[in-house]
Amino acid sequence: MRDGGIAVLVNPRAGRGRHRGLLPGVLEALGRSGRPVRVLTADDGVGAEEACHRAVAEGAGALVSVGGDGTVHRALQAVAGSEVPLGVVPAGTGNDFASAVGVPAEALEAAEAISRALRDGRDGRVDLAKVVTGDGAVRWFGAVLAAGFDAIVNERANAMRWPRGPRRYDLAIALELARLRTRRYELVLDGVEHSFDGVLVAIGNGHSYGGGMRICPAADPRDGLLDVVIGGALGRAALTRLRPRLRRGTHVSDPEVTVFRAREVRVGAEGIVGYADGERVAALPLTVSCEKGAVRLLI
């Protein structure tokens, strides 16, 4: 490990602010590693990502994310493919990446585990998914990329100014269900074409998104492969009936749902913007590859 201190990216709005009072305890636990700890400051997501890149460039010995999947997503852009290890303190509403890689669910326990790993000089390699957009930009994600109905809902919800909170997402689902239609997906898995007409595409490095919806229930972020779940010609009633099964991961037994595994996925469809770790990535087409051991995880 590098000799620098611990840079800590904190999202005070994660988990709708429920974990704000935990930060002093988290910082105290990280300090028991014997390394200096500093909190990165930023006004928004872009600023947070830039702060992470600066910390790594300036010699941080570790980067720690305190928040949900969106906060982890920002940190990953700075450490992916580097030798700077990442610590994750789950403090969001979802924490799907943390769940997938085995991070303790309780924030202070996770911080103590990071501190011990730093003291012991120990970390573990975890896979990441690398996305190349149509214009050649590169993004990384740790959990799941949505490129179907759920991505459309996210795009709709982000454009809405009312209502606030979870009700906005519920309304976006209702509005998009009313407009549901199948699209032609151009899908290529490890060079083999699997194009289809459907409504759902999810590419998983981890098994869940949206706070525990097990869209890719068998995905393993240490096996060097991506799980690709597609849904065919599902109508409104069928899709509505299928969604509750996502919590258990039993939707994959539906005859209209197919699961593939691949190292590289190329996916394209008209009018779809991909979302990874809950964050807006880019319009399709996208190329996604599994990069084995791309991040050193403190756990």
C-alpha atoms as a PDB file:
ATOM      1  CA  MET A   1       0.000   0.000   0.000  1.00  0.00           C
ATOM      2  CA  ARG A   2       1.032   3.587  -0.551  1.00  0.00           C
ATOM      3  CA  ASP A   3       2.237   5.696   2.359  1.00  0.00           C
ATOM      4  CA  GLY A   4      -0.453   8.384   2.018  1.00  0.00           C
ATOM      5  CA  GLY A   5      -3.404   8.911   4.290  1.00  0.00           C
ATOM      6  CA  ILE A   6      -7.062   8.012   3.929  1.00  0.00           C
ATOM      7  CA  ALA A   7      -9.224  10.235   1.727  1.00  0.00           C
ATOM      8  CA  VAL A   8     -12.894   9.952   2.687  1.00  0.00           C
ATOM      9  CA  LEU A   9     -15.709  10.777   0.274  1.00  0.00           C
ATOM     10  CA  VAL A  10     -18.905  11.490   2.199  1.00  0.00           C
ATOM     11  CA  ASN A  11     -22.396  12.004   0.845  1.00  0.00           C
ATOM     12  CA  PRO A  12     -24.320  13.735   3.672  1.00  0.00           C
ATOM     13  CA  ARG A  13     -27.601  13.233   1.791  1.00  0.00           C
ATOM     14  CA  ALA A  14     -27.157   9.453   1.417  1.00  0.00           C
ATOM     15  CA  GLY A  15     -29.897   7.410   3.025  1.00  0.00           C
ATOM     16  CA  ARG A  16     -31.966  10.610   3.087  1.00  0.00           C
ATOM     17  CA  GLY A  17     -29.635  11.928   5.777  1.00  0.00           C
ATOM     18  CA  ARG A  18     -30.354   9.147   8.273  1.00  0.00           C
ATOM     19  CA  HIS A  19     -26.660   8.334   8.806  1.00  0.00           C
ATOM     20  CA  ARG A  20     -25.321  11.874   9.155  1.00  0.00           C
ATOM     21  CA  GLY A  21     -24.630  11.453  12.876  1.00  0.00           C
ATOM     22  CA  LEU A  22     -22.432   8.406  12.221  1.00  0.00           C
ATOM     23  CA  LEU A  23     -19.643  10.311  10.500  1.00  0.00           C
ATOM     24  CA  PRO A  24     -17.593  11.216  13.627  1.00  0.00           C
ATOM     25  CA  GLY A  25     -17.574   7.569  14.688  1.00  0.00           C
ATOM     26  CA  VAL A  26     -16.632   6.420  11.179  1.00  0.00           C
ATOM     27  CA  LEU A  27     -13.723   8.870  11.028  1.00  0.00           C
ATOM     28  CA  GLU A  28     -12.565   7.843  14.514  1.00  0.00           C
ATOM     29  CA  ALA A  29     -12.613   4.180  13.496  1.00  0.00           C
ATOM     30  CA  LEU A  30     -10.653   4.896  10.314  1.00  0.00           C
ATOM     31  CA  GLY A  31      -8.125   6.883  12.348  1.00  0.00           C
ATOM     32  CA  ARG A  32      -7.348   3.776  14.378  1.00  0.00           C
ATOM     33  CA  SER A  33      -5.562   2.509  11.278  1.00  0.00           C
ATOM     34  CA  GLY A  34      -2.716   4.832  12.267  1.00  0.00           C
ATOM     35  CA  ARG A  35      -3.063   6.874   9.082  1.00  0.00           C
ATOM     36  CA  PRO A  36      -4.138  10.494   8.752  1.00  0.00           C
ATOM     37  CA  VAL A  37      -7.763  10.887   7.653  1.00  0.00           C
ATOM     38  CA  ARG A  38      -9.179  13.743   5.603  1.00  0.00           C
ATOM     39  CA  VAL A  39     -12.694  14.328   4.312  1.00  0.00           C
ATOM     40  CA  LEU A  40     -13.085  15.339   0.683  1.00  0.00           C
ATOM     41  CA  THR A  41     -15.391  18.274  -0.001  1.00  0.00           C
ATOM     42  CA  ALA A  42     -17.618  18.704  -3.038  1.00  0.00           C
ATOM     43  CA  ASP A  43     -20.843  20.469  -3.966  1.00  0.00           C
ATOM     44  CA  ASP A  44     -22.240  17.810  -6.305  1.00  0.00           C
ATOM     45  CA  GLY A  45     -21.566  14.436  -7.899  1.00  0.00           C
ATOM     46  CA  VAL A  46     -19.215  15.792 -10.537  1.00  0.00           C
ATOM     47  CA  GLY A  47     -17.265  17.671  -7.893  1.00  0.00           C
ATOM     48  CA  ALA A  48     -17.113  14.547  -5.733  1.00  0.00           C
ATOM     49  CA  GLU A  49     -15.644  12.556  -8.581  1.00  0.00           C
ATOM     50  CA  GLU A  50     -13.082  15.260  -9.309  1.00  0.00           C
ATOM     51  CA  ALA A  51     -12.123  15.365  -5.621  1.00  0.00           C
ATOM     52  CA  CYS A  52     -11.512  11.595  -5.689  1.00  0.00           C
ATOM     53  CA  HIS A  53      -9.302  11.890  -8.763  1.00  0.00           C
ATOM     54  CA  ARG A  54      -7.298  14.689  -7.093  1.00  0.00           C
ATOM     55  CA  ALA A  55      -6.854  12.678  -3.904  1.00  0.00           C
ATOM     56  CA  VAL A  56      -5.517   9.695  -5.831  1.00  0.00           C
ATOM     57  CA  ALA A  57      -3.227  11.880  -7.945  1.00  0.00           C
ATOM     58  CA  GLU A  58      -1.879  13.569  -4.802  1.00  0.00           C
ATOM     59  CA  GLY A  59      -0.879  10.230  -3.244  1.00  0.00           C
ATOM     60  CA  ALA A  60      -3.770   9.057  -1.076  1.00  0.00           C
ATOM     61  CA  GLY A  61      -3.010   5.635   0.351  1.00  0.00           C
ATOM     62  CA  ALA A  62      -6.685   4.661   0.353  1.00  0.00           C
ATOM     63  CA  LEU A  63     -10.036   6.055  -0.701  1.00  0.00           C
ATOM     64  CA  VAL A  64     -13.101   5.410   1.451  1.00  0.00           C
ATOM     65  CA  SER A  65     -16.679   5.938   0.292  1.00  0.00           C
ATOM     66  CA  VAL A  66     -19.283   6.805   2.956  1.00  0.00           C
ATOM     67  CA  GLY A  67     -22.722   6.721   1.365  1.00  0.00           C
ATOM     68  CA  GLY A  68     -24.733   4.609  -1.023  1.00  0.00           C
ATOM     69  CA  ASP A  69     -24.133   3.148  -4.454  1.00  0.00           C
ATOM     70  CA  GLY A  70     -23.939   6.581  -6.084  1.00  0.00           C
ATOM     71  CA  THR A  71     -21.084   7.572  -3.763  1.00  0.00           C
ATOM     72  CA  VAL A  72     -19.285   4.291  -4.445  1.00  0.00           C
ATOM     73  CA  HIS A  73     -19.779   4.898  -8.174  1.00  0.00           C
ATOM     74  CA  ARG A  74     -17.984   8.264  -7.939  1.00  0.00           C
ATOM     75  CA  ALA A  75     -15.092   6.738  -6.003  1.00  0.00           C
ATOM     76  CA  LEU A  76     -14.719   3.845  -8.431  1.00  0.00           C
ATOM     77  CA  GLN A  77     -13.969   6.208 -11.301  1.00  0.00           C
ATOM     78  CA  ALA A  78     -10.785   7.271  -9.468  1.00  0.00           C
ATOM     79  CA  VAL A  79      -9.486   3.914  -8.204  1.00  0.00           C
ATOM     80  CA  ALA A  80     -10.524   1.432 -10.908  1.00  0.00           C
ATOM     81  CA  GLY A  81      -7.477  -0.227 -12.417  1.00  0.00           C
ATOM     82  CA  SER A  82      -5.127   1.501  -9.959  1.00  0.00           C
ATOM     83  CA  GLU A  83      -3.215   0.277  -6.916  1.00  0.00           C
ATOM     84  CA  VAL A  84      -5.136   2.587  -4.556  1.00  0.00           C
ATOM     85  CA  PRO A  85      -7.471   0.441  -2.428  1.00  0.00           C
ATOM     86  CA  LEU A  86     -11.124   1.269  -1.802  1.00  0.00           C
ATOM     87  CA  GLY A  87     -13.047   1.035   1.434  1.00  0.00           C
ATOM     88  CA  VAL A  88     -16.843   1.100   1.465  1.00  0.00           C
ATOM     89  CA  VAL A  89     -18.908   2.284   4.436  1.00  0.00           C
ATOM     90  CA  PRO A  90     -22.562   1.599   3.515  1.00  0.00           C
ATOM     91  CA  ALA A  91     -24.745   4.554   4.465  1.00  0.00           C
ATOM     92  CA  GLY A  92     -27.233   4.800   1.592  1.00  0.00           C
ATOM     93  CA  THR A  93     -30.728   3.572   0.892  1.00  0.00           C
ATOM     94  CA  GLY A  94     -29.517   0.744  -1.347  1.00  0.00           C
ATOM     95  CA  ASN A  95     -25.904  -0.314  -0.708  1.00  0.00           C
ATOM     96  CA  ASP A  96     -26.116  -2.958  -3.425  1.00  0.00           C
ATOM     97  CA  PHE A  97     -22.387  -2.989  -4.227  1.00  0.00           C
ATOM     98  CA  ALA A  98     -21.520  -3.345  -0.544  1.00  0.00           C
ATOM     99  CA  SER A  99     -23.933  -6.253  -0.240  1.00  0.00           C
ATOM    100  CA  ALA A 100     -22.531  -7.972  -3.341  1.00  0.00           C
ATOM    101  CA  VAL A 101     -18.908  -7.878  -2.157  1.00  0.00           C
ATOM    102  CA  GLY A 102     -19.552  -8.811   1.479  1.00  0.00           C
ATOM    103  CA  VAL A 103     -19.035  -5.483   3.248  1.00  0.00           C
ATOM    104  CA  PRO A 104     -20.539  -5.465   6.778  1.00  0.00           C
ATOM    105  CA  ALA A 105     -24.008  -3.932   6.630  1.00  0.00           C
ATOM    106  CA  GLU A 106     -23.491  -1.736   9.685  1.00  0.00           C
ATOM    107  CA  ALA A 107     -21.523   1.452   8.976  1.00  0.00           C
ATOM    108  CA  LEU A 108     -19.289   1.504  12.060  1.00  0.00           C
ATOM    109  CA  GLU A 109     -18.517  -2.194  11.706  1.00  0.00           C
ATOM    110  CA  ALA A 110     -17.529  -1.596   8.074  1.00  0.00           C
ATOM    111  CA  ALA A 111     -15.256   1.295   9.104  1.00  0.00           C
ATOM    112  CA  GLU A 112     -13.561  -0.889  11.731  1.00  0.00           C
ATOM    113  CA  ALA A 113     -13.013  -3.611   9.096  1.00  0.00           C
ATOM    114  CA  ILE A 114     -11.372  -1.074   6.781  1.00  0.00           C
ATOM    115  CA  SER A 115      -9.141   0.123   9.602  1.00  0.00           C
ATOM    116  CA  ARG A 116      -8.032  -3.432  10.408  1.00  0.00           C
ATOM    117  CA  ALA A 117      -7.340  -4.175   6.748  1.00  0.00           C
ATOM    118  CA  LEU A 118      -5.129  -1.086   6.507  1.00  0.00           C
ATOM    119  CA  ARG A 119      -3.247  -1.988   9.687  1.00  0.00           C
ATOM    120  CA  ASP A 120      -2.707  -5.530   8.431  1.00  0.00           C
ATOM    121  CA  GLY A 121      -1.769  -4.487   4.880  1.00  0.00           C
ATOM    122  CA  ARG A 122      -4.587  -6.659   3.551  1.00  0.00           C
ATOM    123  CA  ASP A 123      -7.044  -6.240   0.691  1.00  0.00           C
ATOM    124  CA  GLY A 124      -8.959  -8.405  -1.772  1.00  0.00           C
ATOM    125  CA  ARG A 125      -9.395  -8.047  -5.511  1.00  0.00           C
ATOM    126  CA  VAL A 126     -12.934  -7.539  -6.805  1.00  0.00           C
ATOM    127  CA  ASP A 127     -14.159  -7.353 -10.403  1.00  0.00           C
ATOM    128  CA  LEU A 128     -15.604  -4.202 -11.938  1.00  0.00           C
ATOM    129  CA  ALA A 129     -17.530  -3.603 -15.136  1.00  0.00           C
ATOM    130  CA  LYS A 130     -15.987  -1.202 -17.635  1.00  0.00           C
ATOM    131  CA  VAL A 131     -18.326   0.723 -19.932  1.00  0.00           C
ATOM    132  CA  VAL A 132     -17.210   2.311 -23.190  1.00  0.00           C
ATOM    133  CA  THR A 133     -19.783   4.741 -24.561  1.00  0.00           C
ATOM    134  CA  GLY A 134     -20.516   5.507 -28.181  1.00  0.00           C
ATOM    135  CA  ASP A 135     -18.135   8.476 -28.134  1.00  0.00           C
ATOM    136  CA  GLY A 136     -15.321   6.471 -26.518  1.00  0.00           C
ATOM    137  CA  ALA A 137     -15.689   7.694 -22.938  1.00  0.00           C
ATOM    138  CA  VAL A 138     -14.997   5.160 -20.172  1.00  0.00           C
ATOM    139  CA  ARG A 139     -17.071   4.630 -17.026  1.00  0.00           C
ATOM    140  CA  TRP A 140     -16.881   1.924 -14.360  1.00  0.00           C
ATOM    141  CA  PHE A 141     -19.567   0.338 -12.246  1.00  0.00           C
ATOM    142  CA  GLY A 142     -19.696  -2.187  -9.450  1.00  0.00           C
ATOM    143  CA  ALA A 143     -23.293  -3.400  -9.234  1.00  0.00           C
ATOM    144  CA  VAL A 144     -25.720  -3.397 -12.189  1.00  0.00           C
ATOM    145  CA  LEU A 145     -26.265  -1.485 -15.411  1.00  0.00           C
ATOM    146  CA  ALA A 146     -29.931  -1.099 -16.367  1.00  0.00           C
ATOM    147  CA  ALA A 147     -30.690  -0.644 -20.056  1.00  0.00           C
ATOM    148  CA  GLY A 148     -34.393  -1.420 -20.260  1.00  0.00           C
ATOM    149  CA  PHE A 149     -37.626  -0.457 -18.527  1.00  0.00           C
ATOM    150  CA  ASP A 150     -35.917   0.480 -15.247  1.00  0.00           C
ATOM    151  CA  ALA A 151     -33.496   2.764 -17.066  1.00  0.00           C
ATOM    152  CA  ILE A 152     -36.430   4.468 -18.786  1.00  0.00           C
ATOM    153  CA  VAL A 153     -38.099   4.952 -15.394  1.00  0.00           C
ATOM    154  CA  ASN A 154     -34.918   6.462 -13.964  1.00  0.00           C
ATOM    155  CA  GLU A 155     -34.669   8.869 -16.862  1.00  0.00           C
ATOM    156  CA  ARG A 156     -38.295   9.906 -16.401  1.00  0.00           C
ATOM    157  CA  ALA A 157     -37.939  10.315 -12.611  1.00  0.00           C
ATOM    158  CA  ASN A 158     -34.813  12.447 -12.975  1.00  0.00           C
ATOM    159  CA  ALA A 159     -36.665  14.801 -15.322  1.00  0.00           C
ATOM    160  CA  MET A 160     -39.557  15.286 -12.870  1.00  0.00           C
ATOM    161  CA  ARG A 161     -39.616  18.105 -10.323  1.00  0.00           C
ATOM    162  CA  TRP A 162     -42.629  16.786  -8.417  1.00  0.00           C
ATOM    163  CA  PRO A 163     -43.345  14.880  -6.276  1.00  0.00           C
ATOM    164  CA  ARG A 164     -40.243  14.512  -4.131  1.00  0.00           C
ATOM    165  CA  GLY A 165     -38.871  11.347  -2.584  1.00  0.00           C
ATOM    166  CA  PRO A 166     -39.968   7.784  -3.386  1.00  0.00           C
ATOM    167  CA  ARG A 167     -43.360   8.939  -4.712  1.00  0.00           C
ATOM    168  CA  ARG A 168     -41.624  10.475  -7.709  1.00  0.00           C
ATOM    169  CA  TYR A 169     -40.196   7.097  -8.680  1.00  0.00           C
ATOM    170  CA  ASP A 170     -43.582   5.420  -8.156  1.00  0.00           C
ATOM    171  CA  LEU A 171     -45.228   7.975 -10.432  1.00  0.00           C
ATOM    172  CA  ALA A 172     -42.508   7.519 -13.051  1.00  0.00           C
ATOM    173  CA  ILE A 173     -43.192   3.757 -13.036  1.00  0.00           C
ATOM    174  CA  ALA A 174     -46.911   4.327 -13.562  1.00  0.00           C
ATOM    175  CA  LEU A 175     -46.316   6.789 -16.388  1.00  0.00           C
ATOM    176  CA  GLU A 176     -43.840   4.555 -18.195  1.00  0.00           C
ATOM    177  CA  LEU A 177     -45.981   1.450 -17.767  1.00  0.00           C
ATOM    178  CA  ALA A 178     -48.712   3.293 -19.648  1.00  0.00           C
ATOM    179  CA  ARG A 179     -46.243   3.858 -22.514  1.00  0.00           C
ATOM    180  CA  LEU A 180     -44.633   0.416 -22.379  1.00  0.00           C
ATOM    181  CA  ARG A 181     -43.570  -1.028 -25.717  1.00  0.00           C
ATOM    182  CA  THR A 182     -41.034  -3.546 -26.889  1.00  0.00           C
ATOM    183  CA  ARG A 183     -37.844  -2.324 -28.524  1.00  0.00           C
ATOM    184  CA  ARG A 184     -35.385  -3.981 -30.844  1.00  0.00           C
ATOM    185  CA  TYR A 185     -32.204  -4.657 -28.860  1.00  0.00           C
ATOM    186  CA  GLU A 186     -28.943  -5.309 -30.652  1.00  0.00           C
ATOM    187  CA  LEU A 187     -27.145  -7.584 -28.197  1.00  0.00           C
ATOM    188  CA  VAL A 188     -23.739  -9.196 -28.778  1.00  0.00           C
ATOM    189  CA  LEU A 189     -22.216 -11.445 -26.102  1.00  0.00           C
ATOM    190  CA  ASP A 190     -18.557 -12.394 -26.507  1.00  0.00           C
ATOM    191  CA  GLY A 191     -18.901 -11.858 -30.237  1.00  0.00           C
ATOM    192  CA  VAL A 192     -22.101 -13.884 -30.641  1.00  0.00           C
ATOM    193  CA  GLU A 193     -25.297 -12.074 -31.627  1.00  0.00           C
ATOM    194  CA  HIS A 194     -28.351 -12.457 -29.395  1.00  0.00           C
ATOM    195  CA  SER A 195     -30.511  -9.574 -30.646  1.00  0.00           C
ATOM    196  CA  PHE A 196     -34.161  -9.652 -29.549  1.00  0.00           C
ATOM    197  CA  ASP A 197     -37.385  -7.672 -29.130  1.00  0.00           C
ATOM    198  CA  GLY A 198     -38.101  -6.928 -25.487  1.00  0.00           C
ATOM    199  CA  VAL A 199     -38.434  -4.548 -22.560  1.00  0.00           C
ATOM    200  CA  LEU A 200     -35.666  -5.451 -20.105  1.00  0.00           C
ATOM    201  CA  VAL A 201     -31.871  -5.629 -20.158  1.00  0.00           C
ATOM    202  CA  ALA A 202     -29.706  -5.703 -17.032  1.00  0.00           C
ATOM    203  CA  ILE A 203     -25.967  -6.310 -16.950  1.00  0.00           C
ATOM    204  CA  GLY A 204     -24.722  -7.360 -13.544  1.00  0.00           C
ATOM    205  CA  ASN A 205     -21.304  -7.446 -11.953  1.00  0.00           C
ATOM    206  CA  GLY A 206     -23.226  -7.675  -8.679  1.00  0.00           C
ATOM    207  CA  HIS A 207     -26.582  -9.292  -8.059  1.00  0.00           C
ATOM    208  CA  SER A 208     -28.874  -6.412  -7.143  1.00  0.00           C
ATOM    209  CA  TYR A 209     -29.898  -2.828  -7.761  1.00  0.00           C
ATOM    210  CA  GLY A 210     -32.487  -0.446  -6.359  1.00  0.00           C
ATOM    211  CA  GLY A 211     -31.855  -1.437  -2.759  1.00  0.00           C
ATOM    212  CA  GLY A 212     -31.971  -5.219  -2.901  1.00  0.00           C
ATOM    213  CA  MET A 213     -33.846  -6.086  -6.086  1.00  0.00           C
ATOM    214  CA  ARG A 214     -31.963  -9.220  -7.168  1.00  0.00           C
ATOM    215  CA  ILE A 215     -32.180  -8.611 -10.894  1.00  0.00           C
ATOM    216  CA  CYS A 216     -29.078 -10.765 -11.581  1.00  0.00           C
ATOM    217  CA  PRO A 217     -29.412 -13.218  -8.674  1.00  0.00           C
ATOM    218  CA  ALA A 218     -26.453 -15.454  -9.569  1.00  0.00           C
ATOM    219  CA  ALA A 219     -23.961 -12.679 -10.380  1.00  0.00           C
ATOM    220  CA  ASP A 220     -20.623 -12.957  -8.571  1.00  0.00           C
ATOM    221  CA  PRO A 221     -18.240  -9.952  -8.550  1.00  0.00           C
ATOM    222  CA  ARG A 222     -15.228 -12.230  -8.264  1.00  0.00           C
ATOM    223  CA  ASP A 223     -15.784 -14.680 -11.123  1.00  0.00           C
ATOM    224  CA  GLY A 224     -14.585 -12.612 -14.094  1.00  0.00           C
ATOM    225  CA  LEU A 225     -17.992 -12.692 -15.798  1.00  0.00           C
ATOM    226  CA  LEU A 226     -21.040 -10.480 -16.238  1.00  0.00           C
ATOM    227  CA  ASP A 227     -24.563 -11.810 -15.842  1.00  0.00           C
ATOM    228  CA  VAL A 228     -26.954 -10.520 -18.509  1.00  0.00           C
ATOM    229  CA  VAL A 229     -30.685 -10.741 -17.822  1.00  0.00           C
ATOM    230  CA  ILE A 230     -33.115  -9.950 -20.624  1.00  0.00           C
ATOM    231  CA  GLY A 231     -36.896  -9.767 -20.678  1.00  0.00           C
ATOM    232  CA  GLY A 232     -38.764 -10.392 -23.916  1.00  0.00           C
ATOM    233  CA  ALA A 233     -42.215  -9.324 -25.003  1.00  0.00           C
ATOM    234  CA  LEU A 234     -43.627  -8.652 -21.536  1.00  0.00           C
ATOM    235  CA  GLY A 235     -46.852  -6.654 -21.491  1.00  0.00           C
ATOM    236  CA  ARG A 236     -47.944  -4.284 -18.733  1.00  0.00           C
ATOM    237  CA  ALA A 237     -49.673  -6.936 -16.654  1.00  0.00           C
ATOM    238  CA  ALA A 238     -46.802  -9.420 -17.007  1.00  0.00           C
ATOM    239  CA  LEU A 239     -44.148  -6.845 -16.119  1.00  0.00           C
ATOM    240  CA  THR A 240     -46.151  -5.608 -13.128  1.00  0.00           C
ATOM    241  CA  ARG A 241     -46.575  -9.201 -11.935  1.00  0.00           C
ATOM    242  CA  LEU A 242     -42.848  -9.897 -12.402  1.00  0.00           C
ATOM    243  CA  ARG A 243     -41.461  -6.916 -10.498  1.00  0.00           C
ATOM    244  CA  PRO A 244     -42.234  -8.146  -6.944  1.00  0.00           C
ATOM    245  CA  ARG A 245     -40.302 -11.336  -7.726  1.00  0.00           C
ATOM    246  CA  LEU A 246     -37.121  -9.283  -8.182  1.00  0.00           C
ATOM    247  CA  ARG A 247     -36.647  -9.132  -4.409  1.00  0.00           C
ATOM    248  CA  ARG A 248     -36.240 -12.907  -4.325  1.00  0.00           C
ATOM    249  CA  GLY A 249     -34.570 -13.266  -7.708  1.00  0.00           C
ATOM    250  CA  THR A 250     -37.226 -15.752  -8.827  1.00  0.00           C
ATOM    251  CA  HIS A 251     -38.149 -13.716 -11.923  1.00  0.00           C
ATOM    252  CA  VAL A 252     -35.420 -15.577 -13.849  1.00  0.00           C
ATOM    253  CA  SER A 253     -37.655 -18.663 -13.989  1.00  0.00           C
ATOM    254  CA  ASP A 254     -40.235 -16.811 -16.097  1.00  0.00           C
ATOM    255  CA  PRO A 255     -40.325 -18.118 -19.696  1.00  0.00           C
ATOM    256  CA  GLU A 256     -39.923 -14.574 -21.049  1.00  0.00           C
ATOM    257  CA  VAL A 257     -36.719 -14.013 -19.026  1.00  0.00           C
ATOM    258  CA  THR A 258     -33.335 -15.321 -20.198  1.00  0.00           C
ATOM    259  CA  VAL A 259     -29.983 -15.219 -18.410  1.00  0.00           C
ATOM    260  CA  PHE A 260     -26.596 -15.206 -20.130  1.00  0.00           C
ATOM    261  CA  ARG A 261     -23.020 -14.931 -18.866  1.00  0.00           C
ATOM    262  CA  ALA A 262     -20.297 -13.169 -20.802  1.00  0.00           C
ATOM    263  CA  ARG A 263     -17.021 -11.310 -20.486  1.00  0.00           C
ATOM    264  CA  GLU A 264     -18.037  -8.615 -22.972  1.00  0.00           C
ATOM    265  CA  VAL A 265     -21.474  -7.275 -23.826  1.00  0.00           C
ATOM    266  CA  ARG A 266     -22.446  -4.880 -26.591  1.00  0.00           C
ATOM    267  CA  VAL A 267     -25.974  -3.528 -26.266  1.00  0.00           C
ATOM    268  CA  GLY A 268     -27.840  -1.026 -28.393  1.00  0.00           C
ATOM    269  CA  ALA A 269     -31.438   0.205 -28.647  1.00  0.00           C
ATOM    270  CA  GLU A 270     -33.101   3.391 -29.768  1.00  0.00           C
ATOM    271  CA  GLY A 271     -34.160   5.877 -27.112  1.00  0.00           C
ATOM    272  CA  ILE A 272     -32.500   4.247 -24.075  1.00  0.00           C
ATOM    273  CA  VAL A 273     -30.058   5.847 -21.638  1.00  0.00           C
ATOM    274  CA  GLY A 274     -28.131   3.350 -19.508  1.00  0.00           C
ATOM    275  CA  TYR A 275     -27.965   3.713 -15.721  1.00  0.00           C
ATOM    276  CA  ALA A 276     -25.239   2.012 -13.679  1.00  0.00           C
ATOM    277  CA  ASP A 277     -25.161   1.904  -9.863  1.00  0.00           C
ATOM    278  CA  GLY A 278     -28.242   4.127 -10.141  1.00  0.00           C
ATOM    279  CA  GLU A 279     -26.249   6.830 -11.967  1.00  0.00           C
ATOM    280  CA  ARG A 280     -26.867   8.109 -15.483  1.00  0.00           C
ATOM    281  CA  VAL A 281     -24.135   6.819 -17.820  1.00  0.00           C
ATOM    282  CA  ALA A 282     -24.871   7.443 -21.509  1.00  0.00           C
ATOM    283  CA  ALA A 283     -27.250   6.628 -24.325  1.00  0.00           C
ATOM    284  CA  LEU A 284     -26.984   3.212 -25.908  1.00  0.00           C
ATOM    285  CA  PRO A 285     -25.087   1.675 -27.667  1.00  0.00           C
ATOM    286  CA  LEU A 286     -22.654   0.714 -24.918  1.00  0.00           C
ATOM    287  CA  THR A 287     -19.892  -1.869 -24.661  1.00  0.00           C
ATOM    288  CA  VAL A 288     -19.485  -3.432 -21.208  1.00  0.00           C
ATOM    289  CA  SER A 289     -16.626  -5.719 -20.195  1.00  0.00           C
ATOM    290  CA  CYS A 290     -15.798  -7.480 -16.952  1.00  0.00           C
ATOM    291  CA  GLU A 291     -12.371  -6.398 -15.700  1.00  0.00           C
ATOM    292  CA  LYS A 292     -11.265  -9.073 -13.264  1.00  0.00           C
ATOM    293  CA  GLY A 293      -9.773  -7.803 -10.010  1.00  0.00           C
ATOM    294  CA  ALA A 294     -10.009  -4.184 -11.154  1.00  0.00           C
ATOM    295  CA  VAL A 295     -10.288  -2.793  -7.623  1.00  0.00           C
ATOM    296  CA  ARG A 296      -8.492  -3.563  -4.381  1.00  0.00           C
ATOM    297  CA  LEU A 297     -11.193  -3.748  -1.722  1.00  0.00           C
ATOM    298  CA  LEU A 298     -10.468  -3.113   1.963  1.00  0.00           C
ATOM    299  CA  ILE A 299     -12.619  -5.605   3.817  1.00  0.00           C
END
